[in-house]
Amino acid sequence: MAKDVEGGGNEYSARDYHDPPPAPLIDPEELGKWSLYRAVIAEFIATLLFLYVTVLTVIGYKSQSAADECGGVGILGIAWAFGGMIFILVYCTAGISGGHINPAVTFGLFLARKVSLVRAVLYIVAQCLGAICGCGLVKAFQKAYYVRYGGGANSLADGYSTGTGLAAEIIGTFVLVYTVFSATDPKRSARDSHVPVLAPLPIGFAVFMVHLATIPITGTGINPARSFGAAVIYGKDVAWDDHWIFWVGPLIGAAIAAIYHQYVLRAGAVKALGSFRSSSY
């Protein structure tokens, strides 16, 4: 453990890190930068690829297990598909857009003032459009299987109440967004140079673990774009009956994770109170 050292009238501290300034709520100048549009395109393509691979995995598993109960990749394989794709896509896009690939992640980072309102809105639109296109590709390639096996759409499983489904989505998204904040914490990055390289790994593993826990309950949303894209392309009532759960749950979970990380773990509330007290004298 590094400690402050005093000597010769000078103080040296290992704690030389300063938080980056918060992103502006609205930044009109950002709209004139190519980097913003490049990031939006990256989010669109990443979400398209994410939905294409994962929904295709779900449908493939259902079609194989229909013929043979022991066939297919199983729930474990589906969880690996979702977690593995997030690991790959976050690694590929983190340096361009931050690798959100999820409106809940974008919302949480917006609440923490990591991204501006303009960027957050454009990201969410791109993610939803990418999800629709990704599911559309799956349907185009395997229309018969897509319709027969539910199109990978999220729905509340029989035997579970709406409250249980909502709680599963809130807790699952909290785990994911909390992991995102922890893995990408600039303070940790400043201290440990290897952290930025490893950040996609815990994020992907969080998605994997949450899927293992909640696939039997809701099919695991924790990503409103994923649920929305599948529902739009599948188009049947079963996909829309409880669709609000897959927006409200993830957004609440993301908000709780942002508040917990920023104002409890990072002591944002204490710092703000200290600053207020200092300015009062």
C-alpha atoms as a PDB file:
ATOM      1  CA  MET A   1       0.000   0.000   0.000  1.00  0.00           C
ATOM      2  CA  ALA A   2       1.378   3.390  -1.002  1.00  0.00           C
ATOM      3  CA  LYS A   3       1.501   5.993   1.735  1.00  0.00           C
ATOM      4  CA  ASP A   4       2.035   9.731   1.815  1.00  0.00           C
ATOM      5  CA  VAL A   5       5.653  10.576   2.523  1.00  0.00           C
ATOM      6  CA  GLU A   6       6.874  13.790   4.060  1.00  0.00           C
ATOM      7  CA  GLY A   7      10.427  14.998   3.881  1.00  0.00           C
ATOM      8  CA  GLY A   8      12.427  18.189   3.460  1.00  0.00           C
ATOM      9  CA  GLY A   9       9.286  20.282   3.783  1.00  0.00           C
ATOM     10  CA  ASN A  10       7.743  18.691   0.657  1.00  0.00           C
ATOM     11  CA  GLU A  11       4.796  16.292   0.546  1.00  0.00           C
ATOM     12  CA  TYR A  12       4.562  13.525  -1.990  1.00  0.00           C
ATOM     13  CA  SER A  13       1.330  11.666  -2.405  1.00  0.00           C
ATOM     14  CA  ALA A  14       0.468   8.610  -4.435  1.00  0.00           C
ATOM     15  CA  ARG A  15      -3.036   9.997  -4.596  1.00  0.00           C
ATOM     16  CA  ASP A  16      -2.340  12.495  -7.371  1.00  0.00           C
ATOM     17  CA  TYR A  17      -5.455  11.619  -9.360  1.00  0.00           C
ATOM     18  CA  HIS A  18      -8.137  14.190 -10.167  1.00  0.00           C
ATOM     19  CA  ASP A  19     -11.568  13.325 -11.533  1.00  0.00           C
ATOM     20  CA  PRO A  20     -12.123  14.405 -15.149  1.00  0.00           C
ATOM     21  CA  PRO A  21     -14.658  17.226 -15.539  1.00  0.00           C
ATOM     22  CA  PRO A  22     -18.267  16.137 -16.061  1.00  0.00           C
ATOM     23  CA  ALA A  23     -19.598  16.081 -19.597  1.00  0.00           C
ATOM     24  CA  PRO A  24     -21.777  19.081 -20.446  1.00  0.00           C
ATOM     25  CA  LEU A  25     -25.502  18.425 -20.423  1.00  0.00           C
ATOM     26  CA  ILE A  26     -25.893  19.889 -23.909  1.00  0.00           C
ATOM     27  CA  ASP A  27     -22.873  20.530 -26.110  1.00  0.00           C
ATOM     28  CA  PRO A  28     -23.903  22.067 -29.481  1.00  0.00           C
ATOM     29  CA  GLU A  29     -20.294  22.023 -30.680  1.00  0.00           C
ATOM     30  CA  GLU A  30     -20.307  18.232 -30.419  1.00  0.00           C
ATOM     31  CA  LEU A  31     -22.762  18.051 -33.319  1.00  0.00           C
ATOM     32  CA  GLY A  32     -20.099  19.456 -35.631  1.00  0.00           C
ATOM     33  CA  LYS A  33     -17.496  16.816 -34.807  1.00  0.00           C
ATOM     34  CA  TRP A  34     -16.939  13.724 -36.937  1.00  0.00           C
ATOM     35  CA  SER A  35     -15.896  11.791 -33.821  1.00  0.00           C
ATOM     36  CA  LEU A  36     -19.507  11.892 -32.582  1.00  0.00           C
ATOM     37  CA  TYR A  37     -20.948  10.441 -35.779  1.00  0.00           C
ATOM     38  CA  ARG A  38     -18.181   7.870 -36.017  1.00  0.00           C
ATOM     39  CA  ALA A  39     -19.076   6.751 -32.485  1.00  0.00           C
ATOM     40  CA  VAL A  40     -22.798   6.604 -33.345  1.00  0.00           C
ATOM     41  CA  ILE A  41     -22.048   4.431 -36.379  1.00  0.00           C
ATOM     42  CA  ALA A  42     -19.890   2.164 -34.205  1.00  0.00           C
ATOM     43  CA  GLU A  43     -22.756   1.751 -31.733  1.00  0.00           C
ATOM     44  CA  PHE A  44     -25.168   0.927 -34.578  1.00  0.00           C
ATOM     45  CA  ILE A  45     -22.913  -1.716 -36.118  1.00  0.00           C
ATOM     46  CA  ALA A  46     -21.943  -3.236 -32.766  1.00  0.00           C
ATOM     47  CA  THR A  47     -25.579  -3.597 -31.676  1.00  0.00           C
ATOM     48  CA  LEU A  48     -26.509  -5.046 -35.071  1.00  0.00           C
ATOM     49  CA  LEU A  49     -23.800  -7.692 -34.776  1.00  0.00           C
ATOM     50  CA  PHE A  50     -24.703  -8.375 -31.148  1.00  0.00           C
ATOM     51  CA  LEU A  51     -28.350  -9.077 -31.977  1.00  0.00           C
ATOM     52  CA  TYR A  52     -27.531 -11.032 -35.107  1.00  0.00           C
ATOM     53  CA  VAL A  53     -25.249 -13.523 -33.368  1.00  0.00           C
ATOM     54  CA  THR A  54     -27.174 -13.845 -30.109  1.00  0.00           C
ATOM     55  CA  VAL A  55     -30.696 -14.150 -31.555  1.00  0.00           C
ATOM     56  CA  LEU A  56     -29.404 -16.637 -34.113  1.00  0.00           C
ATOM     57  CA  THR A  57     -27.940 -18.650 -31.216  1.00  0.00           C
ATOM     58  CA  VAL A  58     -31.256 -18.618 -29.335  1.00  0.00           C
ATOM     59  CA  ILE A  59     -33.232 -19.750 -32.377  1.00  0.00           C
ATOM     60  CA  GLY A  60     -30.655 -22.397 -33.244  1.00  0.00           C
ATOM     61  CA  TYR A  61     -30.852 -23.791 -29.712  1.00  0.00           C
ATOM     62  CA  LYS A  62     -34.667 -23.913 -29.766  1.00  0.00           C
ATOM     63  CA  SER A  63     -34.756 -25.612 -33.160  1.00  0.00           C
ATOM     64  CA  GLN A  64     -32.182 -28.226 -32.114  1.00  0.00           C
ATOM     65  CA  SER A  65     -33.755 -28.910 -28.729  1.00  0.00           C
ATOM     66  CA  ALA A  66     -37.174 -29.338 -30.359  1.00  0.00           C
ATOM     67  CA  ALA A  67     -35.829 -32.379 -32.202  1.00  0.00           C
ATOM     68  CA  ASP A  68     -33.633 -33.608 -29.371  1.00  0.00           C
ATOM     69  CA  GLU A  69     -34.076 -32.520 -25.749  1.00  0.00           C
ATOM     70  CA  CYS A  70     -30.335 -32.907 -25.203  1.00  0.00           C
ATOM     71  CA  GLY A  71     -29.446 -31.115 -28.435  1.00  0.00           C
ATOM     72  CA  GLY A  72     -28.277 -27.554 -28.882  1.00  0.00           C
ATOM     73  CA  VAL A  73     -26.019 -25.367 -26.820  1.00  0.00           C
ATOM     74  CA  GLY A  74     -28.386 -25.103 -23.833  1.00  0.00           C
ATOM     75  CA  ILE A  75     -28.843 -22.140 -21.525  1.00  0.00           C
ATOM     76  CA  LEU A  76     -25.137 -22.181 -20.752  1.00  0.00           C
ATOM     77  CA  GLY A  77     -24.305 -21.781 -24.437  1.00  0.00           C
ATOM     78  CA  ILE A  78     -26.804 -18.955 -24.850  1.00  0.00           C
ATOM     79  CA  ALA A  79     -25.296 -17.149 -21.866  1.00  0.00           C
ATOM     80  CA  TRP A  80     -21.827 -17.591 -23.361  1.00  0.00           C
ATOM     81  CA  ALA A  81     -23.050 -16.190 -26.700  1.00  0.00           C
ATOM     82  CA  PHE A  82     -24.362 -13.019 -25.071  1.00  0.00           C
ATOM     83  CA  GLY A  83     -21.398 -12.559 -22.752  1.00  0.00           C
ATOM     84  CA  GLY A  84     -18.842 -13.449 -25.398  1.00  0.00           C
ATOM     85  CA  MET A  85     -20.274 -11.041 -27.947  1.00  0.00           C
ATOM     86  CA  ILE A  86     -20.286  -8.214 -25.425  1.00  0.00           C
ATOM     87  CA  PHE A  87     -16.648  -8.976 -24.597  1.00  0.00           C
ATOM     88  CA  ILE A  88     -15.691  -8.908 -28.283  1.00  0.00           C
ATOM     89  CA  LEU A  89     -17.707  -5.827 -29.227  1.00  0.00           C
ATOM     90  CA  VAL A  90     -16.720  -3.759 -26.191  1.00  0.00           C
ATOM     91  CA  TYR A  91     -13.081  -4.575 -26.945  1.00  0.00           C
ATOM     92  CA  CYS A  92     -13.535  -3.489 -30.578  1.00  0.00           C
ATOM     93  CA  THR A  93     -15.497  -0.288 -29.974  1.00  0.00           C
ATOM     94  CA  ALA A  94     -14.352   0.976 -26.561  1.00  0.00           C
ATOM     95  CA  GLY A  95     -11.798   3.313 -28.104  1.00  0.00           C
ATOM     96  CA  ILE A  96     -14.329   4.757 -30.555  1.00  0.00           C
ATOM     97  CA  SER A  97     -17.665   5.054 -28.776  1.00  0.00           C
ATOM     98  CA  GLY A  98     -16.982   3.668 -25.328  1.00  0.00           C
ATOM     99  CA  GLY A  99     -18.594   0.355 -26.290  1.00  0.00           C
ATOM    100  CA  HIS A 100     -21.997   0.914 -24.710  1.00  0.00           C
ATOM    101  CA  ILE A 101     -24.133  -1.336 -27.002  1.00  0.00           C
ATOM    102  CA  ASN A 102     -26.984  -0.929 -24.508  1.00  0.00           C
ATOM    103  CA  PRO A 103     -29.320   2.017 -23.766  1.00  0.00           C
ATOM    104  CA  ALA A 104     -29.215   1.161 -20.051  1.00  0.00           C
ATOM    105  CA  VAL A 105     -25.428   1.547 -20.000  1.00  0.00           C
ATOM    106  CA  THR A 106     -25.691   4.817 -21.912  1.00  0.00           C
ATOM    107  CA  PHE A 107     -28.385   6.061 -19.518  1.00  0.00           C
ATOM    108  CA  GLY A 108     -26.286   5.184 -16.474  1.00  0.00           C
ATOM    109  CA  LEU A 109     -23.235   6.952 -17.887  1.00  0.00           C
ATOM    110  CA  PHE A 110     -25.365   9.965 -18.764  1.00  0.00           C
ATOM    111  CA  LEU A 111     -26.653  10.201 -15.187  1.00  0.00           C
ATOM    112  CA  ALA A 112     -23.044  10.075 -14.000  1.00  0.00           C
ATOM    113  CA  ARG A 113     -22.207  12.920 -16.420  1.00  0.00           C
ATOM    114  CA  LYS A 114     -19.836  10.735 -18.423  1.00  0.00           C
ATOM    115  CA  VAL A 115     -21.605  11.539 -21.711  1.00  0.00           C
ATOM    116  CA  SER A 116     -23.647  14.523 -22.864  1.00  0.00           C
ATOM    117  CA  LEU A 117     -27.388  14.457 -23.496  1.00  0.00           C
ATOM    118  CA  VAL A 118     -26.828  14.812 -27.243  1.00  0.00           C
ATOM    119  CA  ARG A 119     -24.470  11.842 -27.360  1.00  0.00           C
ATOM    120  CA  ALA A 120     -26.711   9.745 -25.105  1.00  0.00           C
ATOM    121  CA  VAL A 121     -29.795  10.314 -27.282  1.00  0.00           C
ATOM    122  CA  LEU A 122     -27.937   9.559 -30.527  1.00  0.00           C
ATOM    123  CA  TYR A 123     -26.399   6.431 -29.015  1.00  0.00           C
ATOM    124  CA  ILE A 124     -29.763   5.091 -27.858  1.00  0.00           C
ATOM    125  CA  VAL A 125     -31.359   5.724 -31.253  1.00  0.00           C
ATOM    126  CA  ALA A 126     -28.424   4.012 -33.009  1.00  0.00           C
ATOM    127  CA  GLN A 127     -28.569   1.055 -30.628  1.00  0.00           C
ATOM    128  CA  CYS A 128     -32.294   0.535 -31.182  1.00  0.00           C
ATOM    129  CA  LEU A 129     -31.941   0.800 -34.962  1.00  0.00           C
ATOM    130  CA  GLY A 130     -28.984  -1.577 -34.902  1.00  0.00           C
ATOM    131  CA  ALA A 131     -30.979  -4.091 -32.861  1.00  0.00           C
ATOM    132  CA  ILE A 132     -33.870  -3.926 -35.320  1.00  0.00           C
ATOM    133  CA  CYS A 133     -31.531  -4.460 -38.273  1.00  0.00           C
ATOM    134  CA  GLY A 134     -29.717  -7.323 -36.538  1.00  0.00           C
ATOM    135  CA  CYS A 135     -32.966  -9.162 -35.850  1.00  0.00           C
ATOM    136  CA  GLY A 136     -34.121  -8.342 -39.368  1.00  0.00           C
ATOM    137  CA  LEU A 137     -31.076 -10.121 -40.787  1.00  0.00           C
ATOM    138  CA  VAL A 138     -31.828 -13.211 -38.710  1.00  0.00           C
ATOM    139  CA  LYS A 139     -35.424 -13.246 -39.932  1.00  0.00           C
ATOM    140  CA  ALA A 140     -34.298 -12.747 -43.535  1.00  0.00           C
ATOM    141  CA  PHE A 141     -31.944 -15.713 -43.359  1.00  0.00           C
ATOM    142  CA  GLN A 142     -34.126 -18.076 -41.299  1.00  0.00           C
ATOM    143  CA  LYS A 143     -37.697 -16.828 -41.559  1.00  0.00           C
ATOM    144  CA  ALA A 144     -39.415 -20.164 -40.872  1.00  0.00           C
ATOM    145  CA  TYR A 145     -37.364 -20.899 -37.751  1.00  0.00           C
ATOM    146  CA  TYR A 146     -37.506 -17.260 -36.654  1.00  0.00           C
ATOM    147  CA  VAL A 147     -41.305 -17.179 -36.535  1.00  0.00           C
ATOM    148  CA  ARG A 148     -41.693 -20.725 -35.194  1.00  0.00           C
ATOM    149  CA  TYR A 149     -39.314 -20.277 -32.280  1.00  0.00           C
ATOM    150  CA  GLY A 150     -40.287 -16.838 -31.044  1.00  0.00           C
ATOM    151  CA  GLY A 151     -37.760 -14.609 -32.789  1.00  0.00           C
ATOM    152  CA  GLY A 152     -35.576 -14.396 -29.698  1.00  0.00           C
ATOM    153  CA  ALA A 153     -38.076 -11.973 -28.161  1.00  0.00           C
ATOM    154  CA  ASN A 154     -38.086 -11.437 -24.401  1.00  0.00           C
ATOM    155  CA  SER A 155     -41.213 -12.360 -22.464  1.00  0.00           C
ATOM    156  CA  LEU A 156     -42.150 -13.132 -18.891  1.00  0.00           C
ATOM    157  CA  ALA A 157     -42.048 -16.905 -18.301  1.00  0.00           C
ATOM    158  CA  ASP A 158     -45.105 -18.750 -17.027  1.00  0.00           C
ATOM    159  CA  GLY A 159     -45.309 -18.942 -13.245  1.00  0.00           C
ATOM    160  CA  TYR A 160     -43.548 -15.635 -12.601  1.00  0.00           C
ATOM    161  CA  SER A 161     -45.299 -12.427 -11.594  1.00  0.00           C
ATOM    162  CA  THR A 162     -44.715  -9.046 -13.203  1.00  0.00           C
ATOM    163  CA  GLY A 163     -43.001  -7.881 -10.021  1.00  0.00           C
ATOM    164  CA  THR A 164     -40.572 -10.799 -10.138  1.00  0.00           C
ATOM    165  CA  GLY A 165     -39.729 -10.106 -13.768  1.00  0.00           C
ATOM    166  CA  LEU A 166     -39.219  -6.413 -13.072  1.00  0.00           C
ATOM    167  CA  ALA A 167     -36.989  -7.161 -10.071  1.00  0.00           C
ATOM    168  CA  ALA A 168     -34.916  -9.597 -12.148  1.00  0.00           C
ATOM    169  CA  GLU A 169     -34.344  -6.930 -14.791  1.00  0.00           C
ATOM    170  CA  ILE A 170     -33.482  -4.253 -12.230  1.00  0.00           C
ATOM    171  CA  ILE A 171     -30.990  -6.431 -10.359  1.00  0.00           C
ATOM    172  CA  GLY A 172     -29.485  -7.907 -13.527  1.00  0.00           C
ATOM    173  CA  THR A 173     -28.936  -4.480 -15.063  1.00  0.00           C
ATOM    174  CA  PHE A 174     -27.527  -3.164 -11.800  1.00  0.00           C
ATOM    175  CA  VAL A 175     -24.888  -5.919 -11.883  1.00  0.00           C
ATOM    176  CA  LEU A 176     -23.993  -5.060 -15.474  1.00  0.00           C
ATOM    177  CA  VAL A 177     -23.847  -1.262 -15.130  1.00  0.00           C
ATOM    178  CA  TYR A 178     -22.047  -1.453 -11.776  1.00  0.00           C
ATOM    179  CA  THR A 179     -19.440  -3.640 -13.474  1.00  0.00           C
ATOM    180  CA  VAL A 180     -19.141  -1.133 -16.321  1.00  0.00           C
ATOM    181  CA  PHE A 181     -18.494   1.708 -13.873  1.00  0.00           C
ATOM    182  CA  SER A 182     -15.957  -0.315 -11.909  1.00  0.00           C
ATOM    183  CA  ALA A 183     -14.122  -1.684 -14.953  1.00  0.00           C
ATOM    184  CA  THR A 184     -13.840   1.715 -16.623  1.00  0.00           C
ATOM    185  CA  ASP A 185     -13.195   3.824 -13.520  1.00  0.00           C
ATOM    186  CA  PRO A 186     -10.540   6.375 -14.612  1.00  0.00           C
ATOM    187  CA  LYS A 187      -9.100   6.416 -11.097  1.00  0.00           C
ATOM    188  CA  ARG A 188      -8.397   2.703 -11.308  1.00  0.00           C
ATOM    189  CA  SER A 189      -7.024   3.134 -14.831  1.00  0.00           C
ATOM    190  CA  ALA A 190      -4.615   5.784 -13.585  1.00  0.00           C
ATOM    191  CA  ARG A 191      -3.364   3.437 -10.879  1.00  0.00           C
ATOM    192  CA  ASP A 192      -3.266   0.158 -12.832  1.00  0.00           C
ATOM    193  CA  SER A 193      -2.122   0.481 -16.441  1.00  0.00           C
ATOM    194  CA  HIS A 194      -3.528  -2.924 -17.413  1.00  0.00           C
ATOM    195  CA  VAL A 195      -7.126  -2.089 -16.456  1.00  0.00           C
ATOM    196  CA  PRO A 196      -8.241  -0.485 -19.771  1.00  0.00           C
ATOM    197  CA  VAL A 197      -7.131  -3.582 -21.684  1.00  0.00           C
ATOM    198  CA  LEU A 198      -8.976  -5.938 -19.337  1.00  0.00           C
ATOM    199  CA  ALA A 199     -12.174  -3.853 -19.007  1.00  0.00           C
ATOM    200  CA  PRO A 200     -14.186  -5.799 -21.647  1.00  0.00           C
ATOM    201  CA  LEU A 201     -13.575  -9.083 -19.811  1.00  0.00           C
ATOM    202  CA  PRO A 202     -15.482  -8.382 -16.563  1.00  0.00           C
ATOM    203  CA  ILE A 203     -18.238  -6.615 -18.528  1.00  0.00           C
ATOM    204  CA  GLY A 204     -18.746  -9.634 -20.773  1.00  0.00           C
ATOM    205  CA  PHE A 205     -18.550 -11.977 -17.802  1.00  0.00           C
ATOM    206  CA  ALA A 206     -21.194  -9.932 -15.958  1.00  0.00           C
ATOM    207  CA  VAL A 207     -23.536 -10.362 -18.936  1.00  0.00           C
ATOM    208  CA  PHE A 208     -22.812 -14.092 -18.934  1.00  0.00           C
ATOM    209  CA  MET A 209     -23.575 -14.512 -15.231  1.00  0.00           C
ATOM    210  CA  VAL A 210     -26.766 -12.453 -15.343  1.00  0.00           C
ATOM    211  CA  HIS A 211     -28.036 -14.526 -18.267  1.00  0.00           C
ATOM    212  CA  LEU A 212     -27.459 -17.734 -16.345  1.00  0.00           C
ATOM    213  CA  ALA A 213     -29.584 -16.380 -13.500  1.00  0.00           C
ATOM    214  CA  THR A 214     -32.441 -14.725 -15.372  1.00  0.00           C
ATOM    215  CA  ILE A 215     -32.975 -16.601 -18.655  1.00  0.00           C
ATOM    216  CA  PRO A 216     -35.589 -18.826 -16.938  1.00  0.00           C
ATOM    217  CA  ILE A 217     -37.495 -15.737 -15.716  1.00  0.00           C
ATOM    218  CA  THR A 218     -37.539 -13.164 -18.528  1.00  0.00           C
ATOM    219  CA  GLY A 219     -35.206 -14.591 -21.143  1.00  0.00           C
ATOM    220  CA  THR A 220     -32.843 -11.877 -19.839  1.00  0.00           C
ATOM    221  CA  GLY A 221     -33.295  -8.411 -21.234  1.00  0.00           C
ATOM    222  CA  ILE A 222     -30.978  -6.035 -19.305  1.00  0.00           C
ATOM    223  CA  ASN A 223     -30.676  -4.247 -22.651  1.00  0.00           C
ATOM    224  CA  PRO A 224     -33.734  -2.327 -23.891  1.00  0.00           C
ATOM    225  CA  ALA A 225     -32.417  -2.234 -27.458  1.00  0.00           C
ATOM    226  CA  ARG A 226     -32.066  -6.020 -27.514  1.00  0.00           C
ATOM    227  CA  SER A 227     -35.657  -6.465 -26.289  1.00  0.00           C
ATOM    228  CA  PHE A 228     -37.034  -3.724 -28.547  1.00  0.00           C
ATOM    229  CA  GLY A 229     -35.370  -4.944 -31.732  1.00  0.00           C
ATOM    230  CA  ALA A 230     -36.560  -8.522 -31.224  1.00  0.00           C
ATOM    231  CA  ALA A 231     -40.118  -7.380 -30.419  1.00  0.00           C
ATOM    232  CA  VAL A 232     -40.327  -5.116 -33.485  1.00  0.00           C
ATOM    233  CA  ILE A 233     -39.197  -7.781 -35.927  1.00  0.00           C
ATOM    234  CA  TYR A 234     -41.114 -10.647 -34.321  1.00  0.00           C
ATOM    235  CA  GLY A 235     -44.198  -8.430 -34.156  1.00  0.00           C
ATOM    236  CA  LYS A 236     -46.515 -10.689 -32.161  1.00  0.00           C
ATOM    237  CA  ASP A 237     -48.507  -9.720 -29.068  1.00  0.00           C
ATOM    238  CA  VAL A 238     -46.543 -12.020 -26.764  1.00  0.00           C
ATOM    239  CA  ALA A 239     -43.455  -9.891 -27.379  1.00  0.00           C
ATOM    240  CA  TRP A 240     -45.286  -6.688 -26.387  1.00  0.00           C
ATOM    241  CA  ASP A 241     -47.454  -7.884 -23.486  1.00  0.00           C
ATOM    242  CA  ASP A 242     -44.827  -7.172 -20.815  1.00  0.00           C
ATOM    243  CA  HIS A 243     -42.420  -5.184 -22.956  1.00  0.00           C
ATOM    244  CA  TRP A 244     -42.414  -2.228 -20.563  1.00  0.00           C
ATOM    245  CA  ILE A 245     -40.546  -4.409 -18.051  1.00  0.00           C
ATOM    246  CA  PHE A 246     -37.565  -4.515 -20.405  1.00  0.00           C
ATOM    247  CA  TRP A 247     -37.319  -0.725 -20.461  1.00  0.00           C
ATOM    248  CA  VAL A 248     -38.343   0.275 -16.949  1.00  0.00           C
ATOM    249  CA  GLY A 249     -36.316  -2.463 -15.200  1.00  0.00           C
ATOM    250  CA  PRO A 250     -32.988  -1.802 -16.964  1.00  0.00           C
ATOM    251  CA  LEU A 251     -33.290   1.978 -16.658  1.00  0.00           C
ATOM    252  CA  ILE A 252     -33.997   1.747 -12.923  1.00  0.00           C
ATOM    253  CA  GLY A 253     -31.130  -0.712 -12.443  1.00  0.00           C
ATOM    254  CA  ALA A 254     -28.764   1.547 -14.384  1.00  0.00           C
ATOM    255  CA  ALA A 255     -29.802   4.592 -12.347  1.00  0.00           C
ATOM    256  CA  ILE A 256     -29.228   2.774  -9.051  1.00  0.00           C
ATOM    257  CA  ALA A 257     -25.802   1.578 -10.222  1.00  0.00           C
ATOM    258  CA  ALA A 258     -24.808   5.093 -11.286  1.00  0.00           C
ATOM    259  CA  ILE A 259     -25.901   6.601  -7.964  1.00  0.00           C
ATOM    260  CA  TYR A 260     -24.227   3.845  -5.959  1.00  0.00           C
ATOM    261  CA  HIS A 261     -20.905   4.108  -7.764  1.00  0.00           C
ATOM    262  CA  GLN A 262     -20.715   7.874  -8.070  1.00  0.00           C
ATOM    263  CA  TYR A 263     -22.181   9.012  -4.769  1.00  0.00           C
ATOM    264  CA  VAL A 264     -21.407   6.122  -2.407  1.00  0.00           C
ATOM    265  CA  LEU A 265     -18.269   4.338  -3.596  1.00  0.00           C
ATOM    266  CA  ARG A 266     -16.660   7.422  -5.119  1.00  0.00           C
ATOM    267  CA  ALA A 267     -18.073   9.601  -2.306  1.00  0.00           C
ATOM    268  CA  GLY A 268     -19.499  12.131  -4.728  1.00  0.00           C
ATOM    269  CA  ALA A 269     -22.093  13.257  -2.200  1.00  0.00           C
ATOM    270  CA  VAL A 270     -19.437  13.790   0.487  1.00  0.00           C
ATOM    271  CA  LYS A 271     -17.219  15.754  -1.912  1.00  0.00           C
ATOM    272  CA  ALA A 272     -20.131  17.941  -2.963  1.00  0.00           C
ATOM    273  CA  LEU A 273     -21.052  18.608   0.674  1.00  0.00           C
ATOM    274  CA  GLY A 274     -17.434  19.442   1.522  1.00  0.00           C
ATOM    275  CA  SER A 275     -17.218  21.831  -1.408  1.00  0.00           C
ATOM    276  CA  PHE A 276     -20.440  23.517  -0.305  1.00  0.00           C
ATOM    277  CA  ARG A 277     -19.198  23.916   3.253  1.00  0.00           C
ATOM    278  CA  SER A 278     -15.864  25.359   2.061  1.00  0.00           C
ATOM    279  CA  SER A 279     -17.630  27.949  -0.083  1.00  0.00           C
ATOM    280  CA  SER A 280     -19.782  28.985   2.868  1.00  0.00           C
ATOM    281  CA  TYR A 281     -16.803  30.391   4.798  1.00  0.00           C
END
